[in-house]
N, C-alpha and C. Protein backbone atom coordinates (compact mmCIF):
# COMPACT_ATOMS: atom_id res chain seq x y z
N MET A 1 25.81 -26.91 7.75
CA MET A 1 25.90 -25.68 8.53
C MET A 1 25.98 -24.45 7.63
N SER A 2 26.82 -24.53 6.59
CA SER A 2 26.98 -23.36 5.72
C SER A 2 25.72 -23.08 4.92
N GLY A 3 24.92 -24.12 4.61
CA GLY A 3 23.66 -23.92 3.89
C GLY A 3 22.67 -23.16 4.74
N ASN A 4 22.58 -23.48 6.03
CA ASN A 4 21.66 -22.79 6.92
C ASN A 4 22.04 -21.34 7.10
N VAL A 5 23.35 -21.06 7.14
CA VAL A 5 23.81 -19.69 7.31
C VAL A 5 23.42 -18.85 6.11
N SER A 6 23.54 -19.40 4.90
CA SER A 6 23.18 -18.63 3.71
C SER A 6 21.67 -18.38 3.67
N PHE A 7 20.86 -19.33 4.11
CA PHE A 7 19.42 -19.11 4.18
C PHE A 7 19.08 -18.04 5.20
N GLU A 8 19.80 -18.04 6.30
CA GLU A 8 19.59 -16.99 7.30
C GLU A 8 19.94 -15.63 6.72
N HIS A 9 21.00 -15.57 5.94
CA HIS A 9 21.40 -14.31 5.32
C HIS A 9 20.35 -13.81 4.32
N ILE A 10 19.77 -14.72 3.57
CA ILE A 10 18.72 -14.33 2.62
C ILE A 10 17.52 -13.76 3.37
N GLY A 11 17.09 -14.44 4.43
CA GLY A 11 15.97 -13.94 5.23
C GLY A 11 16.26 -12.60 5.87
N VAL A 12 17.45 -12.46 6.42
CA VAL A 12 17.83 -11.20 7.06
C VAL A 12 17.94 -10.08 6.02
N PHE A 13 18.45 -10.40 4.84
CA PHE A 13 18.56 -9.40 3.79
C PHE A 13 17.17 -8.90 3.36
N LEU A 14 16.22 -9.81 3.20
CA LEU A 14 14.87 -9.39 2.82
C LEU A 14 14.21 -8.57 3.92
N ILE A 15 14.43 -8.96 5.16
CA ILE A 15 13.87 -8.19 6.28
C ILE A 15 14.50 -6.80 6.33
N LEU A 16 15.79 -6.70 6.05
CA LEU A 16 16.48 -5.41 6.02
C LEU A 16 15.94 -4.52 4.89
N ILE A 17 15.73 -5.10 3.72
CA ILE A 17 15.17 -4.34 2.60
C ILE A 17 13.77 -3.85 2.95
N GLY A 18 12.96 -4.70 3.58
CA GLY A 18 11.63 -4.29 4.01
C GLY A 18 11.67 -3.16 5.02
N SER A 19 12.64 -3.22 5.92
CA SER A 19 12.78 -2.14 6.91
C SER A 19 13.17 -0.83 6.25
N ILE A 20 14.07 -0.89 5.29
CA ILE A 20 14.49 0.32 4.58
C ILE A 20 13.30 0.93 3.82
N LEU A 21 12.51 0.08 3.18
CA LEU A 21 11.32 0.59 2.49
C LEU A 21 10.31 1.19 3.46
N SER A 22 10.21 0.65 4.66
CA SER A 22 9.31 1.23 5.67
C SER A 22 9.78 2.61 6.08
N VAL A 23 11.08 2.79 6.20
CA VAL A 23 11.62 4.11 6.54
C VAL A 23 11.34 5.10 5.40
N ILE A 24 11.52 4.65 4.17
CA ILE A 24 11.22 5.51 3.02
C ILE A 24 9.75 5.91 3.03
N SER A 25 8.88 4.97 3.37
CA SER A 25 7.45 5.26 3.46
C SER A 25 7.16 6.29 4.54
N ALA A 26 7.82 6.17 5.68
CA ALA A 26 7.62 7.14 6.76
C ALA A 26 8.10 8.53 6.35
N ILE A 27 9.20 8.60 5.64
CA ILE A 27 9.68 9.88 5.15
C ILE A 27 8.68 10.48 4.16
N GLY A 28 8.09 9.63 3.31
CA GLY A 28 7.08 10.10 2.37
C GLY A 28 5.85 10.64 3.08
N LEU A 29 5.46 10.01 4.17
CA LEU A 29 4.31 10.50 4.94
C LEU A 29 4.57 11.89 5.51
N ILE A 30 5.80 12.15 5.87
CA ILE A 30 6.14 13.45 6.45
C ILE A 30 6.31 14.51 5.36
N ARG A 31 6.95 14.15 4.26
CA ARG A 31 7.34 15.13 3.26
C ARG A 31 6.27 15.50 2.24
N PHE A 32 5.37 14.58 1.92
CA PHE A 32 4.40 14.86 0.86
C PHE A 32 3.38 15.89 1.30
N PRO A 33 2.86 16.70 0.37
CA PRO A 33 2.07 17.88 0.74
C PRO A 33 0.59 17.64 1.06
N ASP A 34 -0.05 16.64 0.47
CA ASP A 34 -1.49 16.49 0.70
C ASP A 34 -1.86 15.04 1.00
N VAL A 35 -3.14 14.84 1.30
CA VAL A 35 -3.60 13.52 1.72
C VAL A 35 -3.46 12.49 0.60
N TYR A 36 -3.56 12.91 -0.63
CA TYR A 36 -3.52 11.98 -1.75
C TYR A 36 -2.11 11.40 -1.95
N THR A 37 -1.12 12.24 -1.92
CA THR A 37 0.25 11.74 -2.08
C THR A 37 0.72 11.02 -0.83
N ARG A 38 0.27 11.46 0.33
CA ARG A 38 0.63 10.76 1.56
C ARG A 38 0.03 9.36 1.59
N ALA A 39 -1.19 9.23 1.14
CA ALA A 39 -1.81 7.92 1.10
C ALA A 39 -1.09 7.01 0.11
N HIS A 40 -0.60 7.58 -0.97
CA HIS A 40 0.19 6.80 -1.92
C HIS A 40 1.43 6.23 -1.23
N ALA A 41 2.12 7.07 -0.47
CA ALA A 41 3.31 6.61 0.25
C ALA A 41 2.93 5.57 1.30
N ALA A 42 1.80 5.79 1.96
CA ALA A 42 1.41 4.88 3.03
C ALA A 42 0.98 3.52 2.50
N THR A 43 0.28 3.49 1.39
CA THR A 43 -0.24 2.20 0.93
C THR A 43 0.74 1.45 0.03
N LYS A 44 1.32 2.13 -0.92
CA LYS A 44 2.17 1.42 -1.88
C LYS A 44 3.47 0.92 -1.25
N THR A 45 4.24 1.83 -0.71
CA THR A 45 5.55 1.41 -0.19
C THR A 45 5.42 0.59 1.09
N THR A 46 4.43 0.90 1.91
CA THR A 46 4.28 0.13 3.13
C THR A 46 3.82 -1.29 2.80
N THR A 47 2.94 -1.43 1.84
CA THR A 47 2.50 -2.77 1.44
C THR A 47 3.68 -3.58 0.92
N VAL A 48 4.47 -2.98 0.06
CA VAL A 48 5.64 -3.68 -0.47
C VAL A 48 6.63 -4.00 0.65
N ALA A 49 6.84 -3.06 1.56
CA ALA A 49 7.79 -3.28 2.66
C ALA A 49 7.33 -4.41 3.57
N VAL A 50 6.05 -4.42 3.91
CA VAL A 50 5.54 -5.49 4.77
C VAL A 50 5.61 -6.83 4.06
N LEU A 51 5.27 -6.85 2.77
CA LEU A 51 5.32 -8.10 2.03
C LEU A 51 6.75 -8.64 1.91
N ILE A 52 7.71 -7.77 1.64
CA ILE A 52 9.11 -8.23 1.55
C ILE A 52 9.58 -8.75 2.90
N THR A 53 9.22 -8.05 3.97
CA THR A 53 9.61 -8.50 5.31
C THR A 53 9.00 -9.85 5.62
N LEU A 54 7.73 -10.02 5.33
CA LEU A 54 7.07 -11.29 5.62
C LEU A 54 7.58 -12.42 4.74
N VAL A 55 7.92 -12.11 3.50
CA VAL A 55 8.53 -13.14 2.64
C VAL A 55 9.88 -13.55 3.21
N GLY A 56 10.65 -12.60 3.72
CA GLY A 56 11.91 -12.93 4.37
C GLY A 56 11.71 -13.83 5.58
N VAL A 57 10.70 -13.52 6.38
CA VAL A 57 10.39 -14.37 7.55
C VAL A 57 9.96 -15.76 7.09
N PHE A 58 9.09 -15.82 6.08
CA PHE A 58 8.62 -17.11 5.58
C PHE A 58 9.79 -17.95 5.04
N LEU A 59 10.65 -17.32 4.23
CA LEU A 59 11.80 -18.06 3.67
C LEU A 59 12.75 -18.53 4.76
N TYR A 60 12.96 -17.69 5.77
CA TYR A 60 13.84 -18.10 6.85
C TYR A 60 13.30 -19.35 7.54
N PHE A 61 12.03 -19.31 7.92
CA PHE A 61 11.46 -20.46 8.61
C PHE A 61 11.40 -21.70 7.71
N TRP A 62 11.13 -21.49 6.43
CA TRP A 62 11.01 -22.62 5.53
C TRP A 62 12.37 -23.26 5.22
N LEU A 63 13.37 -22.42 4.90
CA LEU A 63 14.65 -22.96 4.46
C LEU A 63 15.61 -23.27 5.60
N ALA A 64 15.63 -22.45 6.62
CA ALA A 64 16.58 -22.66 7.71
C ALA A 64 16.03 -23.58 8.80
N GLU A 65 14.75 -23.44 9.12
CA GLU A 65 14.16 -24.21 10.21
C GLU A 65 13.31 -25.38 9.71
N HIS A 66 13.10 -25.48 8.40
CA HIS A 66 12.28 -26.54 7.79
C HIS A 66 10.87 -26.56 8.38
N PHE A 67 10.28 -25.36 8.44
CA PHE A 67 8.95 -25.20 9.01
C PHE A 67 8.18 -24.26 8.11
N ILE A 68 7.06 -24.73 7.56
CA ILE A 68 6.22 -23.88 6.71
C ILE A 68 5.11 -23.30 7.58
N SER A 69 5.11 -21.98 7.69
CA SER A 69 4.15 -21.30 8.53
C SER A 69 2.94 -20.85 7.70
N VAL A 70 1.82 -21.49 7.96
CA VAL A 70 0.59 -21.13 7.26
C VAL A 70 0.12 -19.75 7.71
N ARG A 71 0.37 -19.41 8.95
CA ARG A 71 -0.03 -18.09 9.46
C ARG A 71 0.67 -16.96 8.70
N VAL A 72 1.95 -17.14 8.46
CA VAL A 72 2.69 -16.10 7.73
C VAL A 72 2.16 -16.00 6.30
N MET A 73 1.85 -17.13 5.68
CA MET A 73 1.28 -17.10 4.33
C MET A 73 -0.08 -16.40 4.32
N LEU A 74 -0.89 -16.63 5.33
CA LEU A 74 -2.19 -15.97 5.41
C LEU A 74 -2.04 -14.46 5.65
N VAL A 75 -1.08 -14.07 6.46
CA VAL A 75 -0.84 -12.65 6.70
C VAL A 75 -0.37 -11.97 5.42
N ILE A 76 0.50 -12.64 4.66
CA ILE A 76 0.96 -12.09 3.38
C ILE A 76 -0.24 -11.88 2.45
N LEU A 77 -1.11 -12.87 2.35
CA LEU A 77 -2.29 -12.76 1.51
C LEU A 77 -3.22 -11.64 2.00
N PHE A 78 -3.44 -11.58 3.31
CA PHE A 78 -4.35 -10.58 3.87
C PHE A 78 -3.83 -9.16 3.62
N VAL A 79 -2.54 -8.94 3.86
CA VAL A 79 -1.96 -7.61 3.63
C VAL A 79 -2.00 -7.26 2.15
N PHE A 80 -1.69 -8.22 1.30
CA PHE A 80 -1.69 -7.99 -0.14
C PHE A 80 -3.07 -7.59 -0.65
N LEU A 81 -4.12 -8.16 -0.07
CA LEU A 81 -5.48 -7.86 -0.54
C LEU A 81 -6.09 -6.62 0.11
N THR A 82 -5.82 -6.39 1.38
CA THR A 82 -6.55 -5.33 2.09
C THR A 82 -5.89 -3.97 2.05
N ALA A 83 -4.59 -3.88 2.07
CA ALA A 83 -3.92 -2.57 2.16
C ALA A 83 -4.20 -1.69 0.94
N PRO A 84 -4.05 -2.16 -0.28
CA PRO A 84 -4.35 -1.29 -1.42
C PRO A 84 -5.83 -0.92 -1.51
N VAL A 85 -6.70 -1.85 -1.17
CA VAL A 85 -8.14 -1.55 -1.23
C VAL A 85 -8.52 -0.50 -0.21
N SER A 86 -8.01 -0.62 1.01
CA SER A 86 -8.34 0.36 2.04
C SER A 86 -7.77 1.74 1.67
N GLY A 87 -6.57 1.77 1.12
CA GLY A 87 -6.00 3.05 0.68
C GLY A 87 -6.82 3.68 -0.42
N HIS A 88 -7.30 2.87 -1.35
CA HIS A 88 -8.13 3.38 -2.43
C HIS A 88 -9.45 3.94 -1.88
N LEU A 89 -10.06 3.24 -0.96
CA LEU A 89 -11.33 3.71 -0.41
C LEU A 89 -11.17 4.98 0.42
N ILE A 90 -10.08 5.09 1.14
CA ILE A 90 -9.82 6.31 1.91
C ILE A 90 -9.62 7.50 0.96
N LEU A 91 -8.88 7.28 -0.11
CA LEU A 91 -8.67 8.36 -1.07
C LEU A 91 -9.96 8.74 -1.79
N ARG A 92 -10.77 7.76 -2.12
CA ARG A 92 -12.04 8.06 -2.79
C ARG A 92 -12.96 8.85 -1.86
N ALA A 93 -12.98 8.48 -0.58
CA ALA A 93 -13.79 9.23 0.40
C ALA A 93 -13.25 10.64 0.57
N SER A 94 -11.94 10.80 0.58
CA SER A 94 -11.34 12.13 0.69
C SER A 94 -11.71 12.98 -0.51
N TYR A 95 -11.69 12.39 -1.69
CA TYR A 95 -12.03 13.14 -2.89
C TYR A 95 -13.49 13.56 -2.88
N ARG A 96 -14.35 12.65 -2.47
CA ARG A 96 -15.78 12.97 -2.43
C ARG A 96 -16.11 13.99 -1.34
N ALA A 97 -15.27 14.05 -0.28
CA ALA A 97 -15.44 15.05 0.77
C ALA A 97 -14.80 16.38 0.38
N LYS A 98 -14.28 16.43 -0.85
CA LYS A 98 -13.67 17.64 -1.41
C LYS A 98 -12.47 18.14 -0.61
N VAL A 99 -11.61 17.19 -0.21
CA VAL A 99 -10.36 17.57 0.43
C VAL A 99 -9.48 18.20 -0.63
N LYS A 100 -8.91 19.36 -0.32
CA LYS A 100 -8.14 20.14 -1.30
C LYS A 100 -6.86 19.42 -1.68
N MET A 101 -6.57 19.44 -2.97
CA MET A 101 -5.31 18.89 -3.46
C MET A 101 -4.20 19.91 -3.28
N ALA A 102 -2.97 19.45 -3.36
CA ALA A 102 -1.83 20.34 -3.25
C ALA A 102 -1.81 21.31 -4.44
N ASP A 103 -1.19 22.45 -4.24
CA ASP A 103 -1.10 23.45 -5.31
C ASP A 103 -0.25 22.96 -6.48
N THR A 104 0.62 22.00 -6.23
CA THR A 104 1.49 21.49 -7.28
C THR A 104 0.82 20.40 -8.11
N THR A 105 -0.40 20.03 -7.79
CA THR A 105 -1.11 19.00 -8.55
C THR A 105 -1.42 19.53 -9.94
N ILE A 106 -1.08 18.77 -10.95
CA ILE A 106 -1.23 19.21 -12.33
C ILE A 106 -2.57 18.78 -12.91
N GLU A 107 -2.96 17.53 -12.69
CA GLU A 107 -4.16 17.01 -13.34
C GLU A 107 -5.04 16.29 -12.32
N ASP A 108 -6.33 16.50 -12.45
CA ASP A 108 -7.32 15.83 -11.61
C ASP A 108 -8.07 14.82 -12.48
N GLU A 109 -7.61 13.57 -12.46
CA GLU A 109 -8.19 12.56 -13.34
C GLU A 109 -9.56 12.09 -12.87
N LEU A 110 -9.84 12.18 -11.60
CA LEU A 110 -11.15 11.74 -11.10
C LEU A 110 -12.26 12.72 -11.45
N LYS A 111 -11.92 13.94 -11.74
CA LYS A 111 -12.94 14.94 -12.07
C LYS A 111 -13.72 14.51 -13.31
N LYS A 112 -13.04 13.90 -14.26
CA LYS A 112 -13.69 13.43 -15.48
C LYS A 112 -14.65 12.28 -15.20
N VAL A 113 -14.36 11.51 -14.18
CA VAL A 113 -15.15 10.32 -13.89
C VAL A 113 -16.31 10.63 -12.96
N ILE A 114 -16.08 11.40 -11.94
CA ILE A 114 -17.09 11.63 -10.91
C ILE A 114 -18.06 12.75 -11.30
N GLN A 115 -17.61 13.82 -11.91
CA GLN A 115 -18.48 14.94 -12.24
C GLN A 115 -19.59 14.56 -13.23
N PRO A 116 -19.31 13.80 -14.30
CA PRO A 116 -20.40 13.45 -15.21
C PRO A 116 -21.51 12.63 -14.52
N LYS A 117 -21.17 11.79 -13.55
CA LYS A 117 -22.17 11.02 -12.84
C LYS A 117 -23.09 11.95 -12.05
N LYS A 118 -22.52 12.95 -11.41
CA LYS A 118 -23.32 13.91 -10.66
C LYS A 118 -24.23 14.69 -11.59
N GLN A 119 -23.72 15.07 -12.75
CA GLN A 119 -24.52 15.82 -13.72
C GLN A 119 -25.64 14.96 -14.28
N LYS A 120 -25.38 13.65 -14.50
CA LYS A 120 -26.39 12.74 -14.99
C LYS A 120 -27.53 12.61 -13.98
N LYS A 121 -27.18 12.45 -12.71
CA LYS A 121 -28.20 12.30 -11.68
C LYS A 121 -29.05 13.56 -11.56
N SER A 122 -28.41 14.73 -11.61
CA SER A 122 -29.18 15.97 -11.51
C SER A 122 -30.04 16.17 -12.76
N LYS A 123 -29.58 15.73 -13.92
CA LYS A 123 -30.34 15.83 -15.15
C LYS A 123 -31.56 14.90 -15.10
N GLU A 124 -31.38 13.69 -14.56
CA GLU A 124 -32.50 12.75 -14.44
C GLU A 124 -33.55 13.29 -13.48
N LYS A 125 -33.14 13.94 -12.41
CA LYS A 125 -34.08 14.51 -11.45
C LYS A 125 -34.90 15.65 -12.08
N THR A 126 -34.25 16.45 -12.92
CA THR A 126 -34.96 17.56 -13.57
C THR A 126 -35.89 17.06 -14.65
N ASP A 127 -35.59 15.92 -15.29
CA ASP A 127 -36.44 15.37 -16.33
C ASP A 127 -37.73 14.80 -15.75
N GLU A 128 -37.69 14.36 -14.52
CA GLU A 128 -38.89 13.77 -13.90
C GLU A 128 -39.79 14.86 -13.52
């Protein structure tokens, strides 16, 4: 009996930590100034929060109920693979659509990468 209670506590603790991280992510979505920093809060902390919560659920079912849920494992894998990629693609599309950065932004690292490609393409067109 005492072993099951401690496993329940571990699962509940991980779910609580995931919930706290979700709240921090929501606060970041409200407080950050532009789409780039908001997307950082939405993808990074939310991904970690969901993963910690799902790991807590998986551990609870595995250790306390002696049941391994393949669905929970697949959801963990799916969230781990898709959330960062979708956040990256949304930010890349925002950058290419020339969404303005916050005034407090110090460095634009993508400018070095994307601008030379545009100049190369325009140079190739003029050479033809």
